[in-house]
Amino acid sequence: MTKDDCKKLVIEIISDIAPDEDLTNLKHDVRLRDQLQLDSMDFLDIVMELRKRHAIEVPESDYMQLASLDSSAEYLTPKFTAMGK
């Protein structure tokens, strides 16, 4: 899975948990919480969806790695690669 694929995957999850958010002009290097109306529960939902949909475990100590789309892609790409995806 490429970094762009990981970014799309995160955007897809966000669109499911926050369907009213406009995701068309997201800046990839800016924290998601600074661009969207996401609270801590929404963020936990993203982590839970990664686990449920893709069997990706994100320990609490790594949550900040998912702050932006770029950092999410940097964090998730090796995890998907290790899974053979």
N, C-alpha and C. Protein backbone atom coordinates (compact mmCIF):
# COMPACT_ATOMS: atom_id res chain seq x y z
N MET A 1 0.86 -1.17 0.00
CA MET A 1 0.00 0.00 0.00
C MET A 1 0.90 1.24 0.00
N THR A 2 0.58 2.18 -0.86
CA THR A 2 1.38 3.40 -0.96
C THR A 2 0.95 4.42 0.09
N LYS A 3 1.74 5.46 0.24
CA LYS A 3 1.38 6.53 1.17
C LYS A 3 0.08 7.20 0.74
N ASP A 4 -0.09 7.38 -0.57
CA ASP A 4 -1.35 7.97 -1.06
C ASP A 4 -2.54 7.08 -0.73
N ASP A 5 -2.36 5.77 -0.85
CA ASP A 5 -3.43 4.83 -0.48
C ASP A 5 -3.79 4.97 0.99
N CYS A 6 -2.77 5.13 1.83
CA CYS A 6 -3.01 5.28 3.27
C CYS A 6 -3.77 6.57 3.56
N LYS A 7 -3.42 7.64 2.86
CA LYS A 7 -4.13 8.91 3.05
C LYS A 7 -5.59 8.76 2.65
N LYS A 8 -5.85 8.09 1.52
CA LYS A 8 -7.22 7.86 1.07
C LYS A 8 -8.00 7.04 2.08
N LEU A 9 -7.34 6.05 2.65
CA LEU A 9 -7.97 5.19 3.64
C LEU A 9 -8.38 6.00 4.87
N VAL A 10 -7.51 6.89 5.35
CA VAL A 10 -7.83 7.72 6.50
C VAL A 10 -8.97 8.68 6.16
N ILE A 11 -8.94 9.26 4.99
CA ILE A 11 -10.02 10.15 4.57
C ILE A 11 -11.35 9.39 4.50
N GLU A 12 -11.31 8.17 4.00
CA GLU A 12 -12.52 7.34 3.94
C GLU A 12 -13.09 7.09 5.33
N ILE A 13 -12.22 6.79 6.27
CA ILE A 13 -12.68 6.55 7.65
C ILE A 13 -13.27 7.83 8.23
N ILE A 14 -12.61 8.95 8.01
CA ILE A 14 -13.13 10.22 8.53
C ILE A 14 -14.49 10.53 7.91
N SER A 15 -14.65 10.27 6.62
CA SER A 15 -15.94 10.56 5.98
C SER A 15 -17.04 9.70 6.56
N ASP A 16 -16.71 8.50 7.04
CA ASP A 16 -17.71 7.64 7.65
C ASP A 16 -18.07 8.09 9.07
N ILE A 17 -17.07 8.56 9.83
CA ILE A 17 -17.37 8.93 11.23
C ILE A 17 -17.80 10.39 11.38
N ALA A 18 -17.48 11.22 10.38
CA ALA A 18 -17.88 12.63 10.41
C ALA A 18 -18.40 13.02 9.03
N PRO A 19 -19.57 12.49 8.66
CA PRO A 19 -20.07 12.67 7.28
C PRO A 19 -20.37 14.12 6.89
N ASP A 20 -20.52 15.00 7.86
CA ASP A 20 -20.83 16.40 7.54
C ASP A 20 -19.59 17.24 7.24
N GLU A 21 -18.42 16.67 7.46
CA GLU A 21 -17.18 17.41 7.23
C GLU A 21 -16.85 17.48 5.74
N ASP A 22 -16.35 18.64 5.30
CA ASP A 22 -15.89 18.81 3.93
C ASP A 22 -14.43 18.39 3.86
N LEU A 23 -14.17 17.29 3.18
CA LEU A 23 -12.83 16.72 3.12
C LEU A 23 -12.12 17.01 1.80
N THR A 24 -12.69 17.87 0.98
CA THR A 24 -12.14 18.09 -0.36
C THR A 24 -10.85 18.89 -0.37
N ASN A 25 -10.65 19.78 0.57
CA ASN A 25 -9.48 20.64 0.53
C ASN A 25 -8.56 20.44 1.73
N LEU A 26 -8.44 19.22 2.20
CA LEU A 26 -7.58 18.96 3.35
C LEU A 26 -6.12 19.21 2.99
N LYS A 27 -5.43 19.89 3.88
CA LYS A 27 -3.99 20.06 3.74
C LYS A 27 -3.33 18.85 4.39
N HIS A 28 -2.48 18.20 3.66
CA HIS A 28 -1.92 16.93 4.12
C HIS A 28 -0.90 17.09 5.24
N ASP A 29 -0.34 18.28 5.39
CA ASP A 29 0.69 18.49 6.41
C ASP A 29 0.20 19.25 7.64
N VAL A 30 -1.11 19.51 7.71
CA VAL A 30 -1.70 20.23 8.84
C VAL A 30 -2.52 19.25 9.67
N ARG A 31 -2.44 19.41 10.99
CA ARG A 31 -3.18 18.51 11.88
C ARG A 31 -4.65 18.45 11.50
N LEU A 32 -5.19 17.26 11.47
CA LEU A 32 -6.59 17.07 11.12
C LEU A 32 -7.51 17.81 12.08
N ARG A 33 -7.18 17.80 13.35
CA ARG A 33 -8.04 18.46 14.34
C ARG A 33 -8.03 19.97 14.17
N ASP A 34 -7.01 20.52 13.51
CA ASP A 34 -6.97 21.96 13.23
C ASP A 34 -7.80 22.31 12.00
N GLN A 35 -8.10 21.32 11.18
CA GLN A 35 -8.85 21.56 9.94
C GLN A 35 -10.31 21.14 10.03
N LEU A 36 -10.59 20.21 10.89
CA LEU A 36 -11.93 19.61 10.98
C LEU A 36 -12.47 19.73 12.39
N GLN A 37 -13.75 19.55 12.51
CA GLN A 37 -14.40 19.57 13.82
C GLN A 37 -14.37 18.17 14.43
N LEU A 38 -13.17 17.67 14.68
CA LEU A 38 -13.02 16.34 15.28
C LEU A 38 -12.70 16.49 16.75
N ASP A 39 -13.41 15.75 17.58
CA ASP A 39 -13.08 15.74 19.00
C ASP A 39 -12.31 14.47 19.34
N SER A 40 -11.98 14.31 20.58
CA SER A 40 -11.17 13.16 20.98
C SER A 40 -11.89 11.83 20.72
N MET A 41 -13.20 11.82 20.82
CA MET A 41 -13.95 10.59 20.54
C MET A 41 -13.90 10.25 19.05
N ASP A 42 -13.97 11.26 18.19
CA ASP A 42 -13.83 11.02 16.75
C ASP A 42 -12.46 10.44 16.45
N PHE A 43 -11.45 10.98 17.09
CA PHE A 43 -10.10 10.49 16.87
C PHE A 43 -9.98 9.03 17.31
N LEU A 44 -10.57 8.69 18.44
CA LEU A 44 -10.57 7.30 18.88
C LEU A 44 -11.33 6.40 17.91
N ASP A 45 -12.38 6.95 17.31
CA ASP A 45 -13.12 6.19 16.30
C ASP A 45 -12.23 5.87 15.10
N ILE A 46 -11.37 6.81 14.72
CA ILE A 46 -10.44 6.55 13.62
C ILE A 46 -9.53 5.39 13.98
N VAL A 47 -8.99 5.41 15.18
CA VAL A 47 -8.11 4.33 15.64
C VAL A 47 -8.86 3.00 15.66
N MET A 48 -10.09 3.01 16.16
CA MET A 48 -10.88 1.78 16.23
C MET A 48 -11.22 1.25 14.84
N GLU A 49 -11.52 2.14 13.90
CA GLU A 49 -11.82 1.72 12.54
C GLU A 49 -10.58 1.13 11.86
N LEU A 50 -9.41 1.68 12.13
CA LEU A 50 -8.18 1.08 11.59
C LEU A 50 -8.03 -0.35 12.08
N ARG A 51 -8.35 -0.56 13.35
CA ARG A 51 -8.26 -1.91 13.92
C ARG A 51 -9.32 -2.83 13.30
N LYS A 52 -10.56 -2.34 13.25
CA LYS A 52 -11.67 -3.18 12.78
C LYS A 52 -11.55 -3.50 11.29
N ARG A 53 -11.28 -2.49 10.47
CA ARG A 53 -11.26 -2.69 9.02
C ARG A 53 -9.97 -3.30 8.50
N HIS A 54 -8.84 -2.99 9.17
CA HIS A 54 -7.55 -3.36 8.58
C HIS A 54 -6.62 -4.09 9.54
N ALA A 55 -7.09 -4.41 10.74
CA ALA A 55 -6.28 -5.12 11.74
C ALA A 55 -4.99 -4.38 12.08
N ILE A 56 -5.07 -3.05 12.05
CA ILE A 56 -3.93 -2.21 12.41
C ILE A 56 -4.11 -1.75 13.86
N GLU A 57 -3.17 -2.12 14.69
CA GLU A 57 -3.19 -1.70 16.09
C GLU A 57 -2.36 -0.43 16.24
N VAL A 58 -2.95 0.58 16.85
CA VAL A 58 -2.24 1.83 17.11
C VAL A 58 -2.22 2.03 18.63
N PRO A 59 -1.07 1.81 19.25
CA PRO A 59 -1.01 2.02 20.70
C PRO A 59 -1.20 3.50 21.04
N GLU A 60 -1.72 3.74 22.22
CA GLU A 60 -2.00 5.12 22.63
C GLU A 60 -0.76 6.01 22.52
N SER A 61 0.40 5.45 22.78
CA SER A 61 1.64 6.24 22.69
C SER A 61 1.93 6.72 21.27
N ASP A 62 1.29 6.10 20.27
CA ASP A 62 1.51 6.46 18.86
C ASP A 62 0.39 7.32 18.27
N TYR A 63 -0.60 7.68 19.05
CA TYR A 63 -1.74 8.42 18.52
C TYR A 63 -1.32 9.70 17.78
N MET A 64 -0.30 10.38 18.27
CA MET A 64 0.13 11.63 17.62
C MET A 64 0.67 11.38 16.22
N GLN A 65 1.04 10.14 15.91
CA GLN A 65 1.51 9.81 14.57
C GLN A 65 0.39 9.93 13.54
N LEU A 66 -0.85 9.98 14.02
CA LEU A 66 -2.02 10.08 13.13
C LEU A 66 -2.57 11.50 13.08
N ALA A 67 -1.80 12.48 13.51
CA ALA A 67 -2.29 13.85 13.62
C ALA A 67 -2.64 14.47 12.27
N SER A 68 -1.82 14.22 11.24
CA SER A 68 -2.09 14.78 9.91
C SER A 68 -2.14 13.63 8.90
N LEU A 69 -2.56 13.95 7.70
CA LEU A 69 -2.59 12.91 6.66
C LEU A 69 -1.17 12.44 6.33
N ASP A 70 -0.23 13.39 6.25
CA ASP A 70 1.16 13.00 5.95
C ASP A 70 1.74 12.11 7.04
N SER A 71 1.55 12.50 8.30
CA SER A 71 2.11 11.68 9.38
C SER A 71 1.39 10.34 9.48
N SER A 72 0.10 10.31 9.17
CA SER A 72 -0.64 9.05 9.15
C SER A 72 -0.06 8.10 8.10
N ALA A 73 0.21 8.65 6.92
CA ALA A 73 0.76 7.83 5.84
C ALA A 73 2.15 7.31 6.21
N GLU A 74 2.96 8.16 6.82
CA GLU A 74 4.31 7.74 7.25
C GLU A 74 4.22 6.60 8.27
N TYR A 75 3.25 6.69 9.15
CA TYR A 75 3.08 5.70 10.20
C TYR A 75 2.45 4.41 9.68
N LEU A 76 1.42 4.53 8.84
CA LEU A 76 0.65 3.36 8.43
C LEU A 76 1.28 2.56 7.30
N THR A 77 1.98 3.22 6.39
CA THR A 77 2.54 2.52 5.22
C THR A 77 3.41 1.32 5.62
N PRO A 78 4.37 1.48 6.55
CA PRO A 78 5.16 0.30 6.94
C PRO A 78 4.34 -0.79 7.61
N LYS A 79 3.28 -0.40 8.32
CA LYS A 79 2.43 -1.41 8.96
C LYS A 79 1.70 -2.24 7.91
N PHE A 80 1.17 -1.58 6.88
CA PHE A 80 0.52 -2.33 5.80
C PHE A 80 1.54 -3.18 5.03
N THR A 81 2.72 -2.64 4.80
CA THR A 81 3.76 -3.39 4.10
C THR A 81 4.12 -4.66 4.88
N ALA A 82 4.24 -4.53 6.20
CA ALA A 82 4.57 -5.69 7.03
C ALA A 82 3.46 -6.75 6.97
N MET A 83 2.24 -6.31 6.69
CA MET A 83 1.12 -7.25 6.59
C MET A 83 0.99 -7.82 5.18
N GLY A 84 1.83 -7.35 4.26
CA GLY A 84 1.78 -7.83 2.89
C GLY A 84 0.71 -7.16 2.06
N LYS A 85 0.30 -5.97 2.46
CA LYS A 85 -0.73 -5.23 1.72
C LYS A 85 -0.10 -4.10 0.96
